[in-house]
Amino acid sequence: MKWQQVRELFPDQFVLLSILDYREEEDKKVVTEVAPVKAISERDANKEFFSAAPGNVVYHTSNEECVIHLRKDPLLRVRR
């Protein structure tokens, strides 16, 4: 299912998605195909976000595109 279709089915809600296809652009993944698993209340969104299985993501449908920003070196520290 395309992201725009998910936005129409679940307007202005958090949704648990299974990522089926994406394309990489520089330091981000632009998700193109998803399978909605379930709608999530605002109260439970944070908990679901941190407990989502690999390949799943919690995202809000108010966003025009489903974009995941990638960290290249998440453990890299800057020293002064």
PDB file of N, CA and C in Angstrom:
ATOM      1  N   MET A   1       0.850  -1.165   0.000  1.00  0.00           N
ATOM      2  CA  MET A   1       0.000   0.000   0.000  1.00  0.00           C
ATOM      3  C   MET A   1       0.901   1.235   0.000  1.00  0.00           C
ATOM      4  N   LYS A   2       0.555   2.225  -0.754  1.00  0.00           N
ATOM      5  CA  LYS A   2       1.308   3.477  -0.819  1.00  0.00           C
ATOM      6  C   LYS A   2       1.032   4.321   0.426  1.00  0.00           C
ATOM      7  N   TRP A   3       1.997   5.185   0.773  1.00  0.00           N
ATOM      8  CA  TRP A   3       1.879   6.035   1.954  1.00  0.00           C
ATOM      9  C   TRP A   3       0.647   6.942   1.860  1.00  0.00           C
ATOM     10  N   GLN A   4       0.350   7.470   0.688  1.00  0.00           N
ATOM     11  CA  GLN A   4      -0.808   8.349   0.536  1.00  0.00           C
ATOM     12  C   GLN A   4      -2.119   7.608   0.831  1.00  0.00           C
ATOM     13  N   GLN A   5      -2.185   6.342   0.500  1.00  0.00           N
ATOM     14  CA  GLN A   5      -3.380   5.550   0.800  1.00  0.00           C
ATOM     15  C   GLN A   5      -3.540   5.359   2.310  1.00  0.00           C
ATOM     16  N   VAL A   6      -2.431   5.143   2.998  1.00  0.00           N
ATOM     17  CA  VAL A   6      -2.472   5.004   4.461  1.00  0.00           C
ATOM     18  C   VAL A   6      -2.948   6.307   5.081  1.00  0.00           C
ATOM     19  N   ARG A   7      -2.473   7.431   4.556  1.00  0.00           N
ATOM     20  CA  ARG A   7      -2.888   8.741   5.072  1.00  0.00           C
ATOM     21  C   ARG A   7      -4.396   8.950   4.917  1.00  0.00           C
ATOM     22  N   GLU A   8      -4.969   8.436   3.835  1.00  0.00           N
ATOM     23  CA  GLU A   8      -6.409   8.567   3.612  1.00  0.00           C
ATOM     24  C   GLU A   8      -7.207   7.654   4.540  1.00  0.00           C
ATOM     25  N   LEU A   9      -6.709   6.441   4.775  1.00  0.00           N
ATOM     26  CA  LEU A   9      -7.413   5.484   5.639  1.00  0.00           C
ATOM     27  C   LEU A   9      -7.333   5.849   7.117  1.00  0.00           C
ATOM     28  N   PHE A  10      -6.199   6.419   7.540  1.00  0.00           N
ATOM     29  CA  PHE A  10      -5.965   6.757   8.945  1.00  0.00           C
ATOM     30  C   PHE A  10      -5.607   8.234   9.072  1.00  0.00           C
ATOM     31  N   PRO A  11      -6.537   9.140   8.829  1.00  0.00           N
ATOM     32  CA  PRO A  11      -6.185  10.564   8.859  1.00  0.00           C
ATOM     33  C   PRO A  11      -5.803  11.042  10.262  1.00  0.00           C
ATOM     34  N   ASP A  12      -4.690  11.774  10.330  1.00  0.00           N
ATOM     35  CA  ASP A  12      -4.220  12.431  11.549  1.00  0.00           C
ATOM     36  C   ASP A  12      -4.108  11.469  12.738  1.00  0.00           C
ATOM     37  N   GLN A  13      -3.460  10.320  12.518  1.00  0.00           N
ATOM     38  CA  GLN A  13      -3.282   9.304  13.562  1.00  0.00           C
ATOM     39  C   GLN A  13      -1.873   8.730  13.508  1.00  0.00           C
ATOM     40  N   PHE A  14      -1.454   8.138  14.623  1.00  0.00           N
ATOM     41  CA  PHE A  14      -0.243   7.330  14.627  1.00  0.00           C
ATOM     42  C   PHE A  14      -0.624   5.941  14.132  1.00  0.00           C
ATOM     43  N   VAL A  15       0.260   5.353  13.309  1.00  0.00           N
ATOM     44  CA  VAL A  15      -0.008   4.036  12.741  1.00  0.00           C
ATOM     45  C   VAL A  15       1.257   3.186  12.850  1.00  0.00           C
ATOM     46  N   LEU A  16       1.089   1.924  13.246  1.00  0.00           N
ATOM     47  CA  LEU A  16       2.189   0.970  13.226  1.00  0.00           C
ATOM     48  C   LEU A  16       2.251   0.394  11.819  1.00  0.00           C
ATOM     49  N   LEU A  17       3.415   0.540  11.172  1.00  0.00           N
ATOM     50  CA  LEU A  17       3.582   0.133   9.786  1.00  0.00           C
ATOM     51  C   LEU A  17       4.649  -0.935   9.650  1.00  0.00           C
ATOM     52  N   SER A  18       4.438  -1.840   8.733  1.00  0.00           N
ATOM     53  CA  SER A  18       5.468  -2.780   8.321  1.00  0.00           C
ATOM     54  C   SER A  18       6.019  -2.252   6.997  1.00  0.00           C
ATOM     55  N   ILE A  19       7.327  -2.020   6.941  1.00  0.00           N
ATOM     56  CA  ILE A  19       7.944  -1.436   5.749  1.00  0.00           C
ATOM     57  C   ILE A  19       8.182  -2.540   4.722  1.00  0.00           C
ATOM     58  N   LEU A  20       7.599  -2.364   3.534  1.00  0.00           N
ATOM     59  CA  LEU A  20       7.741  -3.344   2.462  1.00  0.00           C
ATOM     60  C   LEU A  20       8.784  -2.923   1.431  1.00  0.00           C
ATOM     61  N   ASP A  21       8.880  -1.614   1.159  1.00  0.00           N
ATOM     62  CA  ASP A  21       9.837  -1.124   0.171  1.00  0.00           C
ATOM     63  C   ASP A  21      10.204   0.316   0.495  1.00  0.00           C
ATOM     64  N   TYR A  22      11.446   0.677   0.160  1.00  0.00           N
ATOM     65  CA  TYR A  22      11.931   2.037   0.389  1.00  0.00           C
ATOM     66  C   TYR A  22      13.074   2.330  -0.567  1.00  0.00           C
ATOM     67  N   ARG A  23      13.412   3.606  -0.662  1.00  0.00           N
ATOM     68  CA  ARG A  23      14.594   4.007  -1.417  1.00  0.00           C
ATOM     69  C   ARG A  23      15.456   4.875  -0.507  1.00  0.00           C
ATOM     70  N   GLU A  24      16.760   4.772  -0.683  1.00  0.00           N
ATOM     71  CA  GLU A  24      17.681   5.557   0.141  1.00  0.00           C
ATOM     72  C   GLU A  24      18.118   6.792  -0.614  1.00  0.00           C
ATOM     73  N   GLU A  25      18.100   7.922   0.094  1.00  0.00           N
ATOM     74  CA  GLU A  25      18.568   9.195  -0.443  1.00  0.00           C
ATOM     75  C   GLU A  25      19.473   9.827   0.605  1.00  0.00           C
ATOM     76  N   GLU A  26      20.759   9.891   0.309  1.00  0.00           N
ATOM     77  CA  GLU A  26      21.755  10.465   1.213  1.00  0.00           C
ATOM     78  C   GLU A  26      21.660   9.824   2.592  1.00  0.00           C
ATOM     79  N   ASP A  27      21.168  10.562   3.584  1.00  0.00           N
ATOM     80  CA  ASP A  27      21.119  10.056   4.957  1.00  0.00           C
ATOM     81  C   ASP A  27      19.695   9.758   5.418  1.00  0.00           C
ATOM     82  N   LYS A  28      18.835   9.332   4.486  1.00  0.00           N
ATOM     83  CA  LYS A  28      17.457   9.013   4.869  1.00  0.00           C
ATOM     84  C   LYS A  28      16.893   7.901   4.001  1.00  0.00           C
ATOM     85  N   LYS A  29      15.882   7.228   4.552  1.00  0.00           N
ATOM     86  CA  LYS A  29      15.105   6.234   3.817  1.00  0.00           C
ATOM     87  C   LYS A  29      13.742   6.852   3.542  1.00  0.00           C
ATOM     88  N   VAL A  30      13.336   6.855   2.301  1.00  0.00           N
ATOM     89  CA  VAL A  30      11.999   7.308   1.932  1.00  0.00           C
ATOM     90  C   VAL A  30      11.176   6.053   1.690  1.00  0.00           C
ATOM     91  N   VAL A  31      10.212   5.816   2.552  1.00  0.00           N
ATOM     92  CA  VAL A  31       9.402   4.600   2.493  1.00  0.00           C
ATOM     93  C   VAL A  31       8.348   4.763   1.401  1.00  0.00           C
ATOM     94  N   THR A  32       8.287   3.786   0.496  1.00  0.00           N
ATOM     95  CA  THR A  32       7.356   3.865  -0.633  1.00  0.00           C
ATOM     96  C   THR A  32       6.193   2.882  -0.517  1.00  0.00           C
ATOM     97  N   GLU A  33       6.416   1.718   0.076  1.00  0.00           N
ATOM     98  CA  GLU A  33       5.362   0.706   0.248  1.00  0.00           C
ATOM     99  C   GLU A  33       5.315   0.257   1.699  1.00  0.00           C
ATOM    100  N   VAL A  34       4.109   0.246   2.268  1.00  0.00           N
ATOM    101  CA  VAL A  34       3.932  -0.176   3.659  1.00  0.00           C
ATOM    102  C   VAL A  34       2.710  -1.077   3.779  1.00  0.00           C
ATOM    103  N   ALA A  35       2.665  -1.796   4.887  1.00  0.00           N
ATOM    104  CA  ALA A  35       1.475  -2.562   5.254  1.00  0.00           C
ATOM    105  C   ALA A  35       1.067  -2.065   6.634  1.00  0.00           C
ATOM    106  N   PRO A  36      -0.059  -1.360   6.733  1.00  0.00           N
ATOM    107  CA  PRO A  36      -0.480  -0.888   8.054  1.00  0.00           C
ATOM    108  C   PRO A  36      -0.850  -2.065   8.951  1.00  0.00           C
ATOM    109  N   VAL A  37      -0.322  -2.063  10.170  1.00  0.00           N
ATOM    110  CA  VAL A  37      -0.609  -3.127  11.125  1.00  0.00           C
ATOM    111  C   VAL A  37      -1.796  -2.726  11.986  1.00  0.00           C
ATOM    112  N   LYS A  38      -1.723  -1.518  12.565  1.00  0.00           N
ATOM    113  CA  LYS A  38      -2.843  -1.032  13.372  1.00  0.00           C
ATOM    114  C   LYS A  38      -2.676   0.450  13.657  1.00  0.00           C
ATOM    115  N   ALA A  39      -3.790   1.098  13.966  1.00  0.00           N
ATOM    116  CA  ALA A  39      -3.761   2.486  14.420  1.00  0.00           C
ATOM    117  C   ALA A  39      -3.391   2.491  15.898  1.00  0.00           C
ATOM    118  N   ILE A  40      -2.685   3.535  16.325  1.00  0.00           N
ATOM    119  CA  ILE A  40      -2.206   3.623  17.702  1.00  0.00           C
ATOM    120  C   ILE A  40      -2.659   4.946  18.298  1.00  0.00           C
ATOM    121  N   SER A  41      -3.127   4.900  19.528  1.00  0.00           N
ATOM    122  CA  SER A  41      -3.553   6.131  20.195  1.00  0.00           C
ATOM    123  C   SER A  41      -2.328   6.981  20.522  1.00  0.00           C
ATOM    124  N   GLU A  42      -2.536   8.279  20.658  1.00  0.00           N
ATOM    125  CA  GLU A  42      -1.427   9.179  21.011  1.00  0.00           C
ATOM    126  C   GLU A  42      -0.801   8.776  22.333  1.00  0.00           C
ATOM    127  N   ARG A  43      -1.597   8.287  23.241  1.00  0.00           N
ATOM    128  CA  ARG A  43      -1.117   7.891  24.573  1.00  0.00           C
ATOM    129  C   ARG A  43      -0.119   6.732  24.486  1.00  0.00           C
ATOM    130  N   ASP A  44      -0.334   5.802  23.551  1.00  0.00           N
ATOM    131  CA  ASP A  44       0.510   4.611  23.435  1.00  0.00           C
ATOM    132  C   ASP A  44       1.595   4.715  22.363  1.00  0.00           C
ATOM    133  N   ALA A  45       1.645   5.817  21.630  1.00  0.00           N
ATOM    134  CA  ALA A  45       2.562   5.931  20.491  1.00  0.00           C
ATOM    135  C   ALA A  45       4.026   5.796  20.894  1.00  0.00           C
ATOM    136  N   ASN A  46       4.433   6.439  21.970  1.00  0.00           N
ATOM    137  CA  ASN A  46       5.834   6.389  22.392  1.00  0.00           C
ATOM    138  C   ASN A  46       6.241   4.969  22.782  1.00  0.00           C
ATOM    139  N   LYS A  47       5.385   4.291  23.539  1.00  0.00           N
ATOM    140  CA  LYS A  47       5.672   2.914  23.958  1.00  0.00           C
ATOM    141  C   LYS A  47       5.780   1.991  22.744  1.00  0.00           C
ATOM    142  N   GLU A  48       4.853   2.121  21.808  1.00  0.00           N
ATOM    143  CA  GLU A  48       4.866   1.293  20.600  1.00  0.00           C
ATOM    144  C   GLU A  48       6.086   1.597  19.727  1.00  0.00           C
ATOM    145  N   PHE A  49       6.480   2.876  19.680  1.00  0.00           N
ATOM    146  CA  PHE A  49       7.638   3.265  18.874  1.00  0.00           C
ATOM    147  C   PHE A  49       8.898   2.539  19.334  1.00  0.00           C
ATOM    148  N   PHE A  50       9.123   2.518  20.647  1.00  0.00           N
ATOM    149  CA  PHE A  50      10.346   1.919  21.171  1.00  0.00           C
ATOM    150  C   PHE A  50      10.285   0.392  21.267  1.00  0.00           C
ATOM    151  N   SER A  51       9.102  -0.186  21.133  1.00  0.00           N
ATOM    152  CA  SER A  51       9.006  -1.649  21.180  1.00  0.00           C
ATOM    153  C   SER A  51       8.697  -2.256  19.805  1.00  0.00           C
ATOM    154  N   ALA A  52       8.738  -1.447  18.756  1.00  0.00           N
ATOM    155  CA  ALA A  52       8.450  -1.949  17.403  1.00  0.00           C
ATOM    156  C   ALA A  52       9.524  -2.936  16.963  1.00  0.00           C
ATOM    157  N   ALA A  53       9.102  -3.995  16.322  1.00  0.00           N
ATOM    158  CA  ALA A  53      10.020  -5.025  15.819  1.00  0.00           C
ATOM    159  C   ALA A  53      10.826  -4.477  14.636  1.00  0.00           C
ATOM    160  N   PRO A  54      11.964  -5.088  14.337  1.00  0.00           N
ATOM    161  CA  PRO A  54      12.732  -4.664  13.156  1.00  0.00           C
ATOM    162  C   PRO A  54      11.875  -4.750  11.890  1.00  0.00           C
ATOM    163  N   GLY A  55      11.947  -3.722  11.071  1.00  0.00           N
ATOM    164  CA  GLY A  55      11.134  -3.672   9.855  1.00  0.00           C
ATOM    165  C   GLY A  55       9.800  -2.989  10.060  1.00  0.00           C
ATOM    166  N   ASN A  56       9.489  -2.638  11.312  1.00  0.00           N
ATOM    167  CA  ASN A  56       8.261  -1.918  11.629  1.00  0.00           C
ATOM    168  C   ASN A  56       8.611  -0.533  12.151  1.00  0.00           C
ATOM    169  N   VAL A  57       7.673   0.384  12.015  1.00  0.00           N
ATOM    170  CA  VAL A  57       7.882   1.744  12.498  1.00  0.00           C
ATOM    171  C   VAL A  57       6.526   2.347  12.862  1.00  0.00           C
ATOM    172  N   VAL A  58       6.544   3.238  13.836  1.00  0.00           N
ATOM    173  CA  VAL A  58       5.346   3.996  14.193  1.00  0.00           C
ATOM    174  C   VAL A  58       5.505   5.374  13.563  1.00  0.00           C
ATOM    175  N   TYR A  59       4.506   5.812  12.813  1.00  0.00           N
ATOM    176  CA  TYR A  59       4.609   7.079  12.091  1.00  0.00           C
ATOM    177  C   TYR A  59       3.259   7.777  12.111  1.00  0.00           C
ATOM    178  N   HIS A  60       3.273   9.109  12.063  1.00  0.00           N
ATOM    179  CA  HIS A  60       2.037   9.891  12.093  1.00  0.00           C
ATOM    180  C   HIS A  60       1.630  10.259  10.674  1.00  0.00           C
ATOM    181  N   THR A  61       0.360  10.139  10.383  1.00  0.00           N
ATOM    182  CA  THR A  61      -0.118  10.352   9.018  1.00  0.00           C
ATOM    183  C   THR A  61      -0.247  11.819   8.625  1.00  0.00           C
ATOM    184  N   SER A  62       0.074  12.737   9.511  1.00  0.00           N
ATOM    185  CA  SER A  62       0.061  14.149   9.130  1.00  0.00           C
ATOM    186  C   SER A  62       1.259  14.495   8.244  1.00  0.00           C
ATOM    187  N   ASN A  63       2.261  13.618   8.199  1.00  0.00           N
ATOM    188  CA  ASN A  63       3.453  13.849   7.378  1.00  0.00           C
ATOM    189  C   ASN A  63       3.172  13.526   5.911  1.00  0.00           C
ATOM    190  N   GLU A  64       3.642  14.397   5.014  1.00  0.00           N
ATOM    191  CA  GLU A  64       3.446  14.204   3.576  1.00  0.00           C
ATOM    192  C   GLU A  64       4.137  12.946   3.064  1.00  0.00           C
ATOM    193  N   GLU A  65       5.357  12.693   3.551  1.00  0.00           N
ATOM    194  CA  GLU A  65       6.120  11.511   3.153  1.00  0.00           C
ATOM    195  C   GLU A  65       6.513  10.738   4.394  1.00  0.00           C
ATOM    196  N   CYS A  66       6.718   9.460   4.237  1.00  0.00           N
ATOM    197  CA  CYS A  66       7.216   8.624   5.326  1.00  0.00           C
ATOM    198  C   CYS A  66       8.731   8.543   5.161  1.00  0.00           C
ATOM    199  N   VAL A  67       9.459   9.322   5.979  1.00  0.00           N
ATOM    200  CA  VAL A  67      10.910   9.448   5.861  1.00  0.00           C
ATOM    201  C   VAL A  67      11.559   9.053   7.178  1.00  0.00           C
ATOM    202  N   ILE A  68      12.582   8.208   7.093  1.00  0.00           N
ATOM    203  CA  ILE A  68      13.341   7.793   8.267  1.00  0.00           C
ATOM    204  C   ILE A  68      14.756   8.320   8.107  1.00  0.00           C
ATOM    205  N   HIS A  69      15.175   9.183   9.018  1.00  0.00           N
ATOM    206  CA  HIS A  69      16.525   9.743   8.969  1.00  0.00           C
ATOM    207  C   HIS A  69      17.503   8.749   9.578  1.00  0.00           C
ATOM    208  N   LEU A  70      18.585   8.504   8.867  1.00  0.00           N
ATOM    209  CA  LEU A  70      19.579   7.522   9.284  1.00  0.00           C
ATOM    210  C   LEU A  70      20.765   8.206   9.957  1.00  0.00           C
ATOM    211  N   ARG A  71      21.256   7.578  10.998  1.00  0.00           N
ATOM    212  CA  ARG A  71      22.480   8.048  11.640  1.00  0.00           C
ATOM    213  C   ARG A  71      23.613   7.162  11.144  1.00  0.00           C
ATOM    214  N   LYS A  72      24.603   7.765  10.553  1.00  0.00           N
ATOM    215  CA  LYS A  72      25.726   6.990  10.019  1.00  0.00           C
ATOM    216  C   LYS A  72      26.635   6.480  11.134  1.00  0.00           C
ATOM    217  N   ASP A  73      26.945   7.314  12.108  1.00  0.00           N
ATOM    218  CA  ASP A  73      27.817   6.939  13.225  1.00  0.00           C
ATOM    219  C   ASP A  73      27.144   7.319  14.539  1.00  0.00           C
ATOM    220  N   PRO A  74      26.156   6.542  14.989  1.00  0.00           N
ATOM    221  CA  PRO A  74      25.402   6.935  16.182  1.00  0.00           C
ATOM    222  C   PRO A  74      26.228   6.932  17.465  1.00  0.00           C
ATOM    223  N   LEU A  75      27.348   6.230  17.490  1.00  0.00           N
ATOM    224  CA  LEU A  75      28.149   6.165  18.707  1.00  0.00           C
ATOM    225  C   LEU A  75      29.338   7.117  18.667  1.00  0.00           C
ATOM    226  N   LEU A  76      29.480   7.870  17.608  1.00  0.00           N
ATOM    227  CA  LEU A  76      30.583   8.803  17.465  1.00  0.00           C
ATOM    228  C   LEU A  76      30.385   9.984  18.396  1.00  0.00           C
ATOM    229  N   ARG A  77      31.402  10.285  19.189  1.00  0.00           N
ATOM    230  CA  ARG A  77      31.329  11.409  20.121  1.00  0.00           C
ATOM    231  C   ARG A  77      32.282  12.500  19.664  1.00  0.00           C
ATOM    232  N   VAL A  78      31.883  13.717  19.892  1.00  0.00           N
ATOM    233  CA  VAL A  78      32.719  14.860  19.536  1.00  0.00           C
ATOM    234  C   VAL A  78      33.447  15.313  20.787  1.00  0.00           C
ATOM    235  N   ARG A  79      34.764  15.430  20.685  1.00  0.00           N
ATOM    236  CA  ARG A  79      35.559  15.885  21.829  1.00  0.00           C
ATOM    237  C   ARG A  79      35.973  17.320  21.608  1.00  0.00           C
ATOM    238  N   ARG A  80      36.042  18.055  22.700  1.00  0.00           N
ATOM    239  CA  ARG A  80      36.485  19.456  22.625  1.00  0.00           C
ATOM    240  C   ARG A  80      37.877  19.597  23.123  1.00  0.00           C
TER     241      ARG A  80
END
